[in-house]
Amino acid sequence: MKYSFRNDYSSIAHKKVLERLIECQNEQNIGYGEDTHTLNAKKIIQDKIKNKSEVFFLVGGTQTNMTIIDHILKPYEAVIAASTGHINVHETGAIEGRGHKVLTCNTTDGKLNPSMVLEILNNHTDYHMVKPKMIYISNTTEVGSYYTLSELKALYKCAHDNDLYLFLDGARLASALAISDIDYPDYAKYTDVFYIGGTKNGAYLGEAVVINNKNLATEFQYSIKHNGAMLAKGFVASIPFEVLMEGNLYKEIGSLENECANYITQKLKSLGYKFYSDSKTNQIFVIVTNELANYIKKEYDFEIWNKINDNEVAIRLVTSFTTTLEISKEFIEYLKQYK
C-alpha cells in the first residue's frame, strides 16, 4: 500500500512531538496532571485563547465527549446534536450509556442553527420529557463543513437566551482554524466548553478540554476520575500540546491538511467525479463505482462512507499531518491510470 487516506490518526505523531517526547524519556514526573508539563501546556493554551479558562487533558474524543456531557448534565437532561454528530453516530451509545438522551436534528451540511435548536425546545415542553440543556457541535463537522464566527455567535446567543450550554467538539479543530474566521480567543468567548483535538492533529494521543464557563469547571477532576479518564501519567497527554500549541504549528498542520484535500478535490472535479458531501476541509467524500473502489484499494486505503446504489459507493479520503502535495499528486496520477 502506498498511503492510507482512511483517517487522520493512523500515524503516531508529528516529528516535533516525538522529538519532544524523546527529550523527556528519562524524566520523572508527578502523576495525575500535577506535573510541570501539564502546567506549562495549560499556560500556553491560556495565552493562545487569551483567557484564564480551566484546561484539562484527556486521552481521546469519545472519552472526552462522554466525560464533559456527563459532568455538566443532570440525569434527566439531554444534549442537542446534528444527526451526523459524532456523539450520535460513532460513539456506541456512550452518551446514552451515562444516562443522557441525544436529541438530533436532520441537517444538509452537518451544522446546527438556532432555528433547529428552538424546534427541539418547542417540542420538549414539560417534565414528562427529557429536558434539553446542551447544544453539541463539531468544528470541523463530521461531514467536512465548518462554522463561521457569525454562526458560532448565533448559536452561543441562542444557547444563553434559552438557558443552555454550548459545547464544541474540536477533534479536527486545526482544520477549522485554518479555514474559518474563528480564532482561538473566539472559541474561549463564544462557547461554554470546547476542546482542542490532539489525536487527529499530530499528537500521539490527547485532547485539551477548555472550560470557559467557570461554574462548569467545579469538581471536573472528580468527573474525570469517575469516568475512568484520569491518567496516572498525566504528563503523557499534555506533552504534545506543549509542542502543537507553541507558535503556529497546530494551525499549520490544519493548513497543510486542507491544502492537500483541496488539491485532490479540485483535480477530482476536473476529472468529472461527483461528490457525496461538499467538504472544503480535510475530509473528501467522493462517489466512485465499486470497480474503481476496488482499484483504489490496491494502493490506497480509505473508508467506504455510504452505499449510493448497487454500482456506486461514497468513499471518504482524509488528509492528515503526514499528507504532502507529492502524495496527493501521486494519488491523482494513480486514478488517471484507471481504465
Protein backbone atom coordinates (compact mmCIF):
# COMPACT_ATOMS: atom_id res chain seq x y z
CA MET A 1 0.00 0.00 0.00
CA LYS A 2 1.36 3.42 -0.96
CA TYR A 3 -0.61 5.54 1.53
CA SER A 4 -3.63 5.50 3.83
CA PHE A 5 -6.36 8.10 3.48
CA ARG A 6 -8.57 6.16 5.93
CA ASN A 7 -8.32 8.72 8.73
CA ASP A 8 -6.14 11.45 10.22
CA TYR A 9 -4.79 9.45 13.17
CA SER A 10 -3.13 6.43 11.51
CA SER A 11 0.38 7.79 12.05
CA ILE A 12 1.94 8.02 15.50
CA ALA A 13 2.65 11.73 15.81
CA HIS A 14 4.20 14.81 14.26
CA LYS A 15 8.00 14.66 14.16
CA LYS A 16 8.35 17.61 16.56
CA VAL A 17 6.02 15.96 19.08
CA LEU A 18 8.01 12.73 19.01
CA GLU A 19 11.28 14.64 19.39
CA ARG A 20 9.88 16.37 22.47
CA LEU A 21 8.71 13.07 23.94
CA ILE A 22 12.15 11.52 23.48
CA GLU A 23 13.72 14.53 25.23
CA CYS A 24 11.51 13.74 28.23
CA GLN A 25 12.08 9.97 28.28
CA ASN A 26 14.36 9.93 31.34
CA GLU A 27 12.34 12.40 33.39
CA GLN A 28 10.39 11.50 36.50
CA ASN A 29 7.18 13.48 36.84
CA ILE A 30 4.42 13.87 39.39
CA GLY A 31 1.27 11.98 38.34
CA TYR A 32 -2.36 12.82 37.66
CA GLY A 33 -1.77 16.10 35.81
CA GLU A 34 0.11 17.86 38.59
CA ASP A 35 3.42 17.86 36.68
CA THR A 36 5.30 20.77 35.11
CA HIS A 37 4.45 19.69 31.53
CA THR A 38 0.74 19.89 32.25
CA LEU A 39 1.08 23.26 33.96
CA ASN A 40 3.14 24.57 31.07
CA ALA A 41 0.74 23.28 28.40
CA LYS A 42 -2.18 24.87 30.26
CA LYS A 43 -0.42 28.24 30.32
CA ILE A 44 0.44 28.02 26.61
CA ILE A 45 -3.22 27.32 25.80
CA GLN A 46 -4.47 30.09 28.09
CA ASP A 47 -2.11 32.52 26.39
CA LYS A 48 -3.30 31.32 22.98
CA ILE A 49 -7.00 31.78 23.77
CA LYS A 50 -6.32 34.95 25.80
CA ASN A 51 -8.40 33.66 28.67
CA LYS A 52 -7.75 32.04 32.05
CA SER A 53 -10.15 29.21 31.28
CA GLU A 54 -9.63 25.92 33.10
CA VAL A 55 -7.74 23.37 30.98
CA PHE A 56 -7.68 19.58 31.39
CA PHE A 57 -6.06 16.85 29.31
CA LEU A 58 -7.86 13.64 28.37
CA VAL A 59 -6.93 10.79 26.04
CA GLY A 60 -9.42 10.63 23.14
CA GLY A 61 -12.56 12.12 21.65
CA THR A 62 -15.23 9.68 22.83
CA GLN A 63 -13.86 9.70 26.36
CA THR A 64 -13.77 13.49 26.29
CA ASN A 65 -17.31 13.92 24.97
CA MET A 66 -18.69 11.43 27.47
CA THR A 67 -16.88 12.97 30.44
CA ILE A 68 -17.85 16.56 29.61
CA ILE A 69 -21.50 15.80 28.93
CA ASP A 70 -21.86 13.53 31.95
CA HIS A 71 -20.25 16.17 34.18
CA ILE A 72 -22.45 19.03 33.04
CA LEU A 73 -25.87 17.44 32.65
CA LYS A 74 -28.25 16.12 35.26
CA PRO A 75 -29.62 12.58 34.61
CA TYR A 76 -32.85 13.91 33.07
CA GLU A 77 -31.13 16.49 30.87
CA ALA A 78 -30.37 15.92 27.18
CA VAL A 79 -27.95 17.19 24.55
CA ILE A 80 -28.96 18.54 21.13
CA ALA A 81 -26.81 17.46 18.17
CA ALA A 82 -26.88 17.13 14.41
CA SER A 83 -27.97 13.65 13.31
CA THR A 84 -24.46 13.26 11.85
CA GLY A 85 -22.84 14.32 15.13
CA HIS A 86 -20.10 12.09 16.47
CA ILE A 87 -21.87 11.54 19.78
CA ASN A 88 -24.91 10.27 17.88
CA VAL A 89 -23.26 8.10 15.21
CA HIS A 90 -19.80 6.91 16.19
CA GLU A 91 -19.64 6.57 19.97
CA THR A 92 -21.53 3.33 20.57
CA GLY A 93 -24.13 4.90 22.83
CA ALA A 94 -21.51 6.27 25.23
CA ILE A 95 -23.61 9.37 25.98
CA GLU A 96 -26.82 7.40 26.40
CA GLY A 97 -24.87 4.90 28.48
CA ARG A 98 -24.26 7.66 31.02
CA GLY A 99 -27.99 8.38 31.09
CA HIS A 100 -28.31 11.31 28.70
CA LYS A 101 -30.51 11.30 25.61
CA VAL A 102 -29.12 12.74 22.38
CA LEU A 103 -31.80 14.81 20.63
CA THR A 104 -30.97 15.02 16.93
CA CYS A 105 -31.65 17.48 14.12
CA ASN A 106 -31.51 16.50 10.46
CA THR A 107 -29.18 18.81 8.56
CA THR A 108 -27.98 19.04 4.99
CA ASP A 109 -24.46 20.15 5.93
CA GLY A 110 -23.81 18.68 9.38
CA LYS A 111 -24.31 22.03 11.11
CA LEU A 112 -26.85 23.24 13.64
CA ASN A 113 -28.51 26.66 13.66
CA PRO A 114 -30.72 28.43 16.21
CA SER A 115 -33.99 27.55 14.44
CA MET A 116 -33.17 23.84 14.74
CA VAL A 117 -32.42 24.25 18.42
CA LEU A 118 -35.65 26.18 19.03
CA GLU A 119 -37.67 23.48 17.28
CA ILE A 120 -36.27 20.91 19.72
CA LEU A 121 -37.04 23.18 22.67
CA ASN A 122 -40.60 23.77 21.44
CA ASN A 123 -41.16 20.03 21.28
CA HIS A 124 -39.94 19.41 24.84
CA THR A 125 -42.35 21.34 26.96
CA ASP A 126 -42.73 19.62 30.32
CA TYR A 127 -41.30 17.19 32.86
CA HIS A 128 -42.69 14.13 31.06
CA MET A 129 -39.85 14.52 28.57
CA VAL A 130 -36.11 14.90 28.91
CA LYS A 131 -35.01 18.48 29.30
CA PRO A 132 -32.74 19.88 26.54
CA LYS A 133 -29.81 21.55 28.30
CA MET A 134 -26.81 21.47 25.96
CA ILE A 135 -26.02 22.15 22.31
CA TYR A 136 -23.25 19.96 20.87
CA ILE A 137 -21.47 20.98 17.67
CA SER A 138 -18.25 19.92 15.95
CA ASN A 139 -15.79 22.13 14.12
CA THR A 140 -14.99 20.89 11.58
CA THR A 141 -18.10 18.78 11.31
CA GLU A 142 -18.28 15.07 10.67
CA VAL A 143 -19.10 15.73 7.00
CA GLY A 144 -16.32 18.26 6.41
CA SER A 145 -18.23 21.54 6.73
CA TYR A 146 -17.22 24.28 9.16
CA TYR A 147 -18.78 27.05 11.23
CA THR A 148 -18.17 30.74 10.68
CA LEU A 149 -17.79 33.23 13.51
CA SER A 150 -21.25 34.66 12.90
CA GLU A 151 -22.76 31.16 13.07
CA LEU A 152 -20.92 30.40 16.30
CA LYS A 153 -22.05 33.69 17.85
CA ALA A 154 -25.66 33.00 16.86
CA LEU A 155 -25.61 29.54 18.47
CA TYR A 156 -23.95 30.88 21.61
CA LYS A 157 -26.60 33.60 21.92
CA CYS A 158 -29.35 31.06 21.31
CA ALA A 159 -27.89 28.81 24.00
CA HIS A 160 -27.68 31.51 26.63
CA ASP A 161 -31.04 33.06 25.74
CA ASN A 162 -32.59 29.67 26.42
CA ASP A 163 -30.57 28.58 29.46
CA LEU A 164 -28.50 26.04 27.51
CA TYR A 165 -24.77 25.29 27.38
CA LEU A 166 -22.80 25.30 24.14
CA PHE A 167 -20.19 22.55 23.83
CA LEU A 168 -17.87 22.43 20.80
CA ASP A 169 -16.10 19.21 19.82
CA GLY A 170 -12.71 20.24 18.41
CA ALA A 171 -11.43 16.83 17.33
CA ARG A 172 -10.47 18.45 13.98
CA LEU A 173 -10.03 21.99 15.25
CA ALA A 174 -6.74 22.51 13.38
CA SER A 175 -8.54 22.16 10.06
CA ALA A 176 -11.25 24.57 11.23
CA LEU A 177 -8.75 27.17 12.45
CA ALA A 178 -7.01 27.07 9.08
CA ILE A 179 -10.13 27.74 7.02
CA SER A 180 -12.69 29.66 9.10
CA ASP A 181 -12.70 33.17 10.55
CA ILE A 182 -12.92 31.81 14.11
CA ASP A 183 -9.66 32.20 16.03
CA TYR A 184 -8.54 30.77 19.38
CA PRO A 185 -9.91 33.65 21.54
CA ASP A 186 -13.32 33.34 19.84
CA TYR A 187 -13.68 29.76 21.00
CA ALA A 188 -13.00 30.91 24.55
CA LYS A 189 -15.53 33.72 24.23
CA TYR A 190 -18.40 32.01 22.41
CA THR A 191 -18.56 28.52 23.92
CA ASP A 192 -19.06 27.26 27.46
CA VAL A 193 -16.63 24.45 26.83
CA PHE A 194 -14.63 23.24 23.84
CA TYR A 195 -11.66 21.03 23.27
CA ILE A 196 -8.54 21.25 21.16
CA GLY A 197 -8.10 17.93 19.39
CA GLY A 198 -4.66 16.37 19.51
CA THR A 199 -5.29 12.79 18.37
CA LYS A 200 -6.36 13.85 14.85
CA ASN A 201 -3.94 16.77 14.63
CA GLY A 202 -0.41 15.47 15.14
CA ALA A 203 -0.40 14.22 18.75
CA TYR A 204 0.13 10.55 19.60
CA LEU A 205 -2.92 10.95 21.85
CA GLY A 206 -4.73 13.64 23.80
CA GLU A 207 -7.48 16.24 23.78
CA ALA A 208 -7.21 19.54 25.67
CA VAL A 209 -10.53 20.38 27.34
CA VAL A 210 -11.04 24.12 27.78
CA ILE A 211 -13.83 25.10 30.18
CA ASN A 212 -14.73 28.77 29.75
CA ASN A 213 -17.80 28.74 31.98
CA LYS A 214 -16.19 28.74 35.43
CA ASN A 215 -19.24 27.18 37.05
CA LEU A 216 -18.84 24.08 34.90
CA ALA A 217 -15.20 23.62 35.88
CA THR A 218 -16.09 22.98 39.52
CA GLU A 219 -15.03 19.46 40.53
CA PHE A 220 -14.40 18.47 36.90
CA GLN A 221 -11.43 16.41 38.10
CA TYR A 222 -13.86 14.26 40.08
CA SER A 223 -15.77 13.57 36.87
CA ILE A 224 -12.56 12.73 35.04
CA LYS A 225 -11.69 10.16 37.69
CA HIS A 226 -15.27 8.87 37.94
CA ASN A 227 -15.34 8.22 34.19
CA GLY A 228 -12.04 6.36 34.25
CA ALA A 229 -10.36 9.12 32.26
CA MET A 230 -7.63 10.21 34.67
CA LEU A 231 -4.16 9.13 33.60
CA ALA A 232 -1.63 8.35 36.28
CA LYS A 233 0.97 9.52 33.76
CA GLY A 234 -0.95 12.71 33.07
CA PHE A 235 2.10 14.33 31.51
CA VAL A 236 1.85 11.89 28.59
CA ALA A 237 -1.34 13.65 27.44
CA SER A 238 -0.04 17.19 27.93
CA ILE A 239 3.44 16.96 26.36
CA PRO A 240 2.06 17.02 22.77
CA PHE A 241 0.27 20.29 23.47
CA GLU A 242 3.46 21.94 24.65
CA VAL A 243 4.65 21.44 21.08
CA LEU A 244 1.48 21.78 18.99
CA MET A 245 0.28 24.98 20.67
CA GLU A 246 3.65 26.71 20.72
CA GLY A 247 3.96 29.18 17.85
CA ASN A 248 1.73 28.38 14.89
CA LEU A 249 2.34 24.64 14.40
CA TYR A 250 -1.20 23.49 15.18
CA LYS A 251 -2.78 25.79 12.61
CA GLU A 252 -0.02 24.96 10.10
CA ILE A 253 -0.98 21.29 10.37
CA GLY A 254 -4.58 22.21 9.58
CA SER A 255 -3.48 24.36 6.64
CA LEU A 256 -1.45 21.53 5.11
CA GLU A 257 -4.32 19.07 5.55
CA ASN A 258 -6.76 21.46 3.89
CA GLU A 259 -4.35 22.33 1.09
CA CYS A 260 -3.80 18.69 0.17
CA ALA A 261 -7.53 17.91 0.40
CA ASN A 262 -8.37 20.92 -1.77
CA TYR A 263 -5.81 19.84 -4.38
CA ILE A 264 -7.32 16.34 -4.55
CA THR A 265 -10.87 17.73 -4.65
CA GLN A 266 -10.17 20.17 -7.49
CA LYS A 267 -8.41 17.51 -9.54
CA LEU A 268 -11.26 15.06 -8.99
CA LYS A 269 -13.74 17.70 -10.13
CA SER A 270 -11.72 18.36 -13.27
CA LEU A 271 -11.82 14.62 -13.98
CA GLY A 272 -15.61 14.62 -13.71
CA TYR A 273 -16.11 12.96 -10.34
CA LYS A 274 -19.25 13.64 -8.29
CA PHE A 275 -19.24 14.22 -4.54
CA TYR A 276 -21.39 12.97 -1.69
CA SER A 277 -20.66 16.00 0.51
CA ASP A 278 -19.37 19.48 -0.27
CA SER A 279 -16.38 19.48 2.08
CA LYS A 280 -13.75 22.19 1.99
CA THR A 281 -11.67 20.81 4.85
CA ASN A 282 -9.54 17.69 5.23
CA GLN A 283 -12.27 15.11 4.58
CA ILE A 284 -13.23 14.33 0.98
CA PHE A 285 -16.41 12.40 0.17
CA VAL A 286 -16.32 11.26 -3.45
CA ILE A 287 -18.63 8.89 -5.33
CA VAL A 288 -16.97 6.04 -7.25
CA THR A 289 -18.03 2.79 -8.85
CA ASN A 290 -17.50 -0.43 -6.92
CA GLU A 291 -14.95 -1.43 -9.52
CA LEU A 292 -12.99 1.81 -9.10
CA ALA A 293 -13.13 1.47 -5.32
CA ASN A 294 -11.51 -1.95 -5.63
CA TYR A 295 -8.86 -0.49 -7.93
CA ILE A 296 -8.03 2.31 -5.48
CA LYS A 297 -7.88 -0.19 -2.62
CA LYS A 298 -4.93 -1.91 -4.25
CA GLU A 299 -2.66 1.03 -3.41
CA TYR A 300 -4.56 3.45 -1.14
CA ASP A 301 -6.64 2.82 1.95
CA PHE A 302 -9.90 4.67 2.58
CA GLU A 303 -13.26 4.24 4.29
CA ILE A 304 -16.49 3.40 2.49
CA TRP A 305 -18.84 6.09 3.81
CA ASN A 306 -22.15 5.11 2.26
CA LYS A 307 -23.70 2.93 -0.41
CA ILE A 308 -25.19 5.04 -3.21
CA ASN A 309 -26.69 2.23 -5.31
CA ASP A 310 -25.79 -1.28 -6.42
CA ASN A 311 -22.94 0.04 -8.56
CA GLU A 312 -21.63 3.06 -6.63
CA VAL A 313 -20.36 3.95 -3.16
CA ALA A 314 -19.27 7.16 -1.46
CA ILE A 315 -15.75 6.82 -0.11
CA ARG A 316 -14.05 9.10 2.40
CA LEU A 317 -10.48 10.24 1.88
CA VAL A 318 -8.88 12.02 4.84
CA THR A 319 -5.69 14.06 4.66
CA SER A 320 -3.51 14.33 7.76
CA PHE A 321 -0.32 15.86 9.11
CA THR A 322 1.62 13.25 7.13
CA THR A 323 -0.04 14.04 3.80
CA THR A 324 2.01 16.04 1.31
CA LEU A 325 1.22 17.58 -2.07
CA GLU A 326 3.52 14.98 -3.60
CA ILE A 327 1.44 12.16 -2.12
CA SER A 328 -1.72 13.94 -3.30
CA LYS A 329 -0.37 14.26 -6.85
CA GLU A 330 0.68 10.60 -6.91
CA PHE A 331 -2.85 9.62 -5.88
CA ILE A 332 -4.41 11.62 -8.72
CA GLU A 333 -1.96 10.15 -11.22
CA TYR A 334 -2.88 6.68 -10.00
CA LEU A 335 -6.57 7.43 -10.62
CA LYS A 336 -5.80 8.63 -14.13
CA GLN A 337 -4.34 5.20 -14.92
CA TYR A 338 -7.67 3.51 -14.22
CA LYS A 339 -9.35 2.20 -17.37
